[in-house]
């Protein structure tokens, strides 16, 4: 199989793409189609129709069943052009999170692909805080994709913190870089020099695992907040994907909790892959 056609993930048999029908979903759609094609995946495409009458009292309905169905059909046509097995899901409710979680479980989804931002104003349900909420409720990998992002590059950045979730993220990042024939950057940010020895141990162990897998690795132990350090390095190094664990350790480091999750997702210019320790 050629490099262009190779699947960048070890497990992606079933992919769920959630799309809101706006231009903000285009990066997620493009990426999900590319991954499904490369990985020979079954692609589930899910849309959502609001049924919150309290909200509708104050806001006009922005989507309805007919328009969402038409949009989903247009995505299915794009999938058909790539000879993909594509299945449509239409969900109803006052928020999309529960439906997404249910279909992840029902269809044994390996990878959930979502856009970074959805409707404007009060219906901006795929902003960082809601994407973070979804990530915290599913057991599969989650790929959050900005509108203009692609998966054509080969530089992968993994943020670790010594937790079991970051260990899973490190393994996934090494596998992605290996399959893309790319390189890996391993980052463990610290708040004080007292943490440097601990951080250095973990980045060196990850680098060793990467090298043994045939992937060149660069290690970084900067001082500062994790999400800020990852964003800075991603910009400086031209990173094509950021990989992190779903939660950090308690105490001095909370890699992906609350506002850190939201800010990383909202500000990253490249896709962010979040890996659960159960993967």
Protein backbone atom coordinates (compact mmCIF):
# COMPACT_ATOMS: atom_id res chain seq x y z
CA UNK A 1 0.00 0.00 0.00
CA UNK A 2 1.38 3.43 -0.87
CA UNK A 3 2.26 6.08 1.69
CA UNK A 4 -0.62 8.30 0.62
CA UNK A 5 -3.13 5.48 1.02
CA UNK A 6 -1.83 4.11 4.34
CA UNK A 7 -4.06 4.27 7.40
CA UNK A 8 -2.53 6.48 10.10
CA UNK A 9 -4.33 4.72 12.96
CA UNK A 10 -4.11 1.18 14.22
CA UNK A 11 -7.81 0.91 15.04
CA UNK A 12 -10.36 2.76 12.93
CA UNK A 13 -12.77 0.12 11.65
CA UNK A 14 -15.82 2.22 12.53
CA UNK A 15 -15.67 6.01 12.29
CA UNK A 16 -18.46 8.34 13.45
CA UNK A 17 -18.49 11.79 11.90
CA UNK A 18 -20.66 14.35 13.63
CA UNK A 19 -21.49 17.31 11.42
CA UNK A 20 -23.66 20.34 12.18
CA UNK A 21 -24.26 21.45 8.61
CA UNK A 22 -22.16 24.61 8.84
CA UNK A 23 -18.88 25.55 7.21
CA UNK A 24 -17.12 24.82 10.50
CA UNK A 25 -17.66 21.09 9.90
CA UNK A 26 -15.83 21.02 6.58
CA UNK A 27 -12.46 20.14 8.08
CA UNK A 28 -14.02 17.28 10.04
CA UNK A 29 -15.88 16.00 6.97
CA UNK A 30 -12.82 16.13 4.76
CA UNK A 31 -10.68 14.41 7.40
CA UNK A 32 -13.26 11.70 8.16
CA UNK A 33 -13.64 10.89 4.45
CA UNK A 34 -9.86 10.70 4.05
CA UNK A 35 -9.44 8.45 7.09
CA UNK A 36 -12.31 6.17 6.13
CA UNK A 37 -10.83 5.78 2.66
CA UNK A 38 -7.30 5.08 3.90
CA UNK A 39 -8.42 2.76 6.70
CA UNK A 40 -11.20 0.92 4.78
CA UNK A 41 -13.56 2.00 7.56
CA UNK A 42 -17.32 1.99 7.84
CA UNK A 43 -18.30 5.65 8.09
CA UNK A 44 -21.31 6.73 10.14
CA UNK A 45 -22.40 10.32 9.49
CA UNK A 46 -24.55 11.86 12.20
CA UNK A 47 -26.63 15.04 12.10
CA UNK A 48 -28.70 16.65 14.82
CA UNK A 49 -32.07 18.43 15.02
CA UNK A 50 -32.95 20.54 18.04
CA UNK A 51 -36.14 19.77 19.92
CA UNK A 52 -35.70 22.25 22.77
CA UNK A 53 -38.87 24.26 22.77
CA UNK A 54 -37.68 26.58 25.54
CA UNK A 55 -34.78 27.70 23.33
CA UNK A 56 -37.01 27.91 20.30
CA UNK A 57 -39.22 30.37 22.17
CA UNK A 58 -36.39 32.86 21.98
CA UNK A 59 -34.51 31.76 18.88
CA UNK A 60 -35.73 30.76 15.44
CA UNK A 61 -35.03 27.12 14.60
CA UNK A 62 -31.74 27.10 12.69
CA UNK A 63 -32.04 23.61 11.32
CA UNK A 64 -34.89 21.25 10.66
CA UNK A 65 -35.22 17.63 9.70
CA UNK A 66 -35.46 18.21 5.97
CA UNK A 67 -32.44 20.49 5.69
CA UNK A 68 -30.29 18.27 7.93
CA UNK A 69 -31.31 15.18 5.96
CA UNK A 70 -30.37 16.89 2.72
CA UNK A 71 -27.02 17.90 4.12
CA UNK A 72 -26.30 14.38 5.36
CA UNK A 73 -27.20 13.05 1.92
CA UNK A 74 -24.67 15.40 0.34
CA UNK A 75 -21.97 14.02 2.64
CA UNK A 76 -23.03 10.49 1.76
CA UNK A 77 -22.65 11.34 -1.94
CA UNK A 78 -19.09 12.45 -1.28
CA UNK A 79 -18.47 9.16 0.51
CA UNK A 80 -19.99 7.20 -2.37
CA UNK A 81 -17.56 8.88 -4.78
CA UNK A 82 -14.79 7.28 -2.69
CA UNK A 83 -16.57 3.90 -2.64
CA UNK A 84 -17.04 4.10 1.13
CA UNK A 85 -19.55 2.20 3.22
CA UNK A 86 -21.46 5.19 4.61
CA UNK A 87 -24.47 5.11 6.95
CA UNK A 88 -26.61 8.09 7.94
CA UNK A 89 -27.80 8.82 11.50
CA UNK A 90 -30.28 11.57 12.39
CA UNK A 91 -30.54 12.42 16.09
CA UNK A 92 -33.04 14.61 17.95
CA UNK A 93 -32.95 16.34 21.33
CA UNK A 94 -31.98 19.51 23.17
CA UNK A 95 -28.22 18.82 23.02
CA UNK A 96 -26.21 16.53 20.73
CA UNK A 97 -23.96 15.01 23.39
CA UNK A 98 -26.23 12.20 24.56
CA UNK A 99 -26.99 11.05 21.03
CA UNK A 100 -23.32 11.01 20.15
CA UNK A 101 -22.46 8.95 23.22
CA UNK A 102 -25.29 6.49 22.52
CA UNK A 103 -24.27 5.95 18.90
CA UNK A 104 -20.60 5.56 19.82
CA UNK A 105 -21.63 2.66 22.04
CA UNK A 106 -24.30 1.22 19.74
CA UNK A 107 -22.12 1.12 16.64
CA UNK A 108 -18.87 0.19 18.41
CA UNK A 109 -17.15 3.31 17.15
CA UNK A 110 -13.34 3.35 17.18
CA UNK A 111 -12.91 7.01 16.23
CA UNK A 112 -15.24 9.98 16.63
CA UNK A 113 -14.49 12.93 14.32
CA UNK A 114 -16.02 16.30 15.18
CA UNK A 115 -15.56 19.90 14.09
CA UNK A 116 -14.16 22.44 16.47
CA UNK A 117 -17.03 24.88 16.40
CA UNK A 118 -20.71 24.74 15.55
CA UNK A 119 -23.55 27.22 15.40
CA UNK A 120 -22.98 30.81 16.39
CA UNK A 121 -24.38 32.43 19.50
CA UNK A 122 -26.30 30.28 21.97
CA UNK A 123 -26.22 27.28 19.66
CA UNK A 124 -22.42 27.08 19.45
CA UNK A 125 -22.57 23.53 20.73
CA UNK A 126 -19.23 22.31 19.44
CA UNK A 127 -17.13 24.95 21.10
CA UNK A 128 -14.35 23.71 23.35
CA UNK A 129 -16.40 23.10 26.48
CA UNK A 130 -18.91 20.85 24.73
CA UNK A 131 -16.27 19.01 22.71
CA UNK A 132 -14.49 18.45 26.04
CA UNK A 133 -17.74 17.16 27.55
CA UNK A 134 -18.14 14.66 24.71
CA UNK A 135 -14.52 13.56 25.09
CA UNK A 136 -15.11 12.90 28.77
CA UNK A 137 -18.14 10.69 28.08
CA UNK A 138 -16.94 8.37 25.29
CA UNK A 139 -14.36 5.59 25.42
CA UNK A 140 -13.23 5.79 21.80
CA UNK A 141 -10.57 8.08 20.34
CA UNK A 142 -11.84 11.57 19.46
CA UNK A 143 -10.40 13.71 16.68
CA UNK A 144 -11.31 17.42 16.85
CA UNK A 145 -10.66 19.10 13.51
CA UNK A 146 -10.48 22.84 12.71
CA UNK A 147 -12.22 23.95 9.52
CA UNK A 148 -9.08 24.38 7.41
CA UNK A 149 -7.05 21.45 8.74
CA UNK A 150 -5.84 18.40 6.80
CA UNK A 151 -3.94 15.21 7.63
CA UNK A 152 -1.36 15.48 4.90
CA UNK A 153 1.66 16.20 7.12
CA UNK A 154 3.86 13.95 9.18
CA UNK A 155 4.89 15.82 12.34
CA UNK A 156 3.07 14.57 15.44
CA UNK A 157 3.20 16.25 18.86
CA UNK A 158 2.24 14.27 21.94
CA UNK A 159 1.67 15.94 25.29
CA UNK A 160 2.34 13.65 28.26
CA UNK A 161 2.15 14.01 32.04
CA UNK A 162 2.95 10.58 33.47
CA UNK A 163 -0.68 9.45 33.79
CA UNK A 164 -2.06 6.23 32.33
CA UNK A 165 -4.03 8.32 29.84
CA UNK A 166 -0.90 10.03 28.56
CA UNK A 167 0.81 6.63 28.27
CA UNK A 168 -2.00 5.56 25.94
CA UNK A 169 -1.63 8.83 24.04
CA UNK A 170 2.12 8.25 23.69
CA UNK A 171 1.58 4.78 22.23
CA UNK A 172 -1.01 6.10 19.80
CA UNK A 173 1.22 9.01 18.76
CA UNK A 174 4.14 6.69 18.06
CA UNK A 175 1.88 4.49 15.94
CA UNK A 176 0.50 7.45 13.99
CA UNK A 177 3.97 8.85 13.29
CA UNK A 178 5.20 5.41 12.28
CA UNK A 179 2.35 4.83 9.85
CA UNK A 180 2.80 8.29 8.35
CA UNK A 181 6.57 7.70 8.15
CA UNK A 182 6.94 10.93 10.07
CA UNK A 183 8.56 12.21 13.23
CA UNK A 184 7.42 12.68 16.81
CA UNK A 185 7.78 15.51 19.31
CA UNK A 186 7.32 14.49 22.97
CA UNK A 187 6.42 17.30 25.37
CA UNK A 188 6.05 17.27 29.16
CA UNK A 189 5.56 20.77 30.58
CA UNK A 190 6.52 21.55 34.17
CA UNK A 191 5.73 24.28 36.66
CA UNK A 192 8.98 24.18 38.63
CA UNK A 193 12.47 22.69 38.43
CA UNK A 194 11.49 20.16 41.09
CA UNK A 195 9.44 18.38 38.43
CA UNK A 196 12.12 18.26 35.74
CA UNK A 197 13.65 14.90 36.69
CA UNK A 198 10.22 13.22 36.70
CA UNK A 199 9.31 14.84 33.38
CA UNK A 200 12.64 13.95 31.79
CA UNK A 201 12.20 10.30 32.76
CA UNK A 202 8.83 10.11 31.01
CA UNK A 203 9.84 11.93 27.81
CA UNK A 204 12.96 9.75 27.55
CA UNK A 205 10.90 6.58 27.97
CA UNK A 206 8.50 7.73 25.27
CA UNK A 207 11.39 8.67 22.98
CA UNK A 208 12.91 5.21 23.50
CA UNK A 209 9.61 3.57 22.57
CA UNK A 210 9.44 5.79 19.49
CA UNK A 211 12.99 5.01 18.40
CA UNK A 212 12.43 1.28 18.86
CA UNK A 213 9.43 1.67 16.55
CA UNK A 214 11.58 3.31 13.89
CA UNK A 215 10.35 6.86 14.54
CA UNK A 216 12.68 9.79 15.24
CA UNK A 217 11.67 11.65 18.40
CA UNK A 218 12.48 15.07 19.81
CA UNK A 219 11.92 15.64 23.53
CA UNK A 220 10.92 18.90 25.19
CA UNK A 221 10.45 19.79 28.87
CA UNK A 222 9.36 23.45 28.88
CA UNK A 223 8.15 25.42 31.88
CA UNK A 224 4.57 26.64 31.60
CA UNK A 225 0.95 25.55 31.25
CA UNK A 226 0.54 22.39 29.20
CA UNK A 227 -1.91 23.68 26.63
CA UNK A 228 0.08 26.87 26.05
CA UNK A 229 3.32 24.97 25.58
CA UNK A 230 1.67 22.55 23.13
CA UNK A 231 0.16 25.40 21.12
CA UNK A 232 3.48 27.26 20.96
CA UNK A 233 5.44 24.18 19.90
CA UNK A 234 2.77 23.21 17.36
CA UNK A 235 3.10 26.63 15.71
CA UNK A 236 6.89 26.75 15.87
CA UNK A 237 7.45 23.21 14.57
CA UNK A 238 4.65 23.05 12.00
CA UNK A 239 2.90 20.21 13.80
CA UNK A 240 0.24 18.36 11.81
CA UNK A 241 -1.49 16.59 14.71
CA UNK A 242 -1.52 16.97 18.49
CA UNK A 243 -2.14 13.80 20.51
CA UNK A 244 -3.12 13.91 24.19
CA UNK A 245 -4.69 11.68 26.81
CA UNK A 246 -8.28 12.22 27.84
CA UNK A 247 -7.34 13.22 31.40
CA UNK A 248 -4.22 14.26 33.22
CA UNK A 249 -3.04 13.32 36.68
CA UNK A 250 -4.40 15.10 39.73
CA UNK A 251 -2.41 17.63 41.74
CA UNK A 252 0.29 19.68 40.00
CA UNK A 253 -0.74 18.64 36.50
CA UNK A 254 -4.18 18.45 34.95
CA UNK A 255 -3.39 18.13 31.28
CA UNK A 256 -6.92 17.90 29.98
CA UNK A 257 -9.38 19.19 32.53
CA UNK A 258 -11.80 22.08 32.23
CA UNK A 259 -10.46 25.21 30.59
CA UNK A 260 -7.20 23.55 29.46
CA UNK A 261 -9.17 21.17 27.28
CA UNK A 262 -11.29 23.92 25.84
CA UNK A 263 -8.38 26.22 25.08
CA UNK A 264 -6.28 23.51 23.43
CA UNK A 265 -9.19 22.44 21.23
CA UNK A 266 -10.29 25.99 20.42
CA UNK A 267 -6.86 27.39 19.60
CA UNK A 268 -4.97 24.56 17.89
CA UNK A 269 -4.58 25.07 14.16
CA UNK A 270 -4.19 21.33 13.52
CA UNK A 271 -6.36 18.32 14.45
CA UNK A 272 -6.24 17.26 18.11
CA UNK A 273 -6.52 13.51 18.79
CA UNK A 274 -7.67 12.61 22.30
CA UNK A 275 -6.95 9.06 23.43
CA UNK A 276 -8.70 7.25 26.29
CA UNK A 277 -6.63 4.96 28.51
CA UNK A 278 -9.05 2.17 27.68
CA UNK A 279 -7.93 2.17 24.05
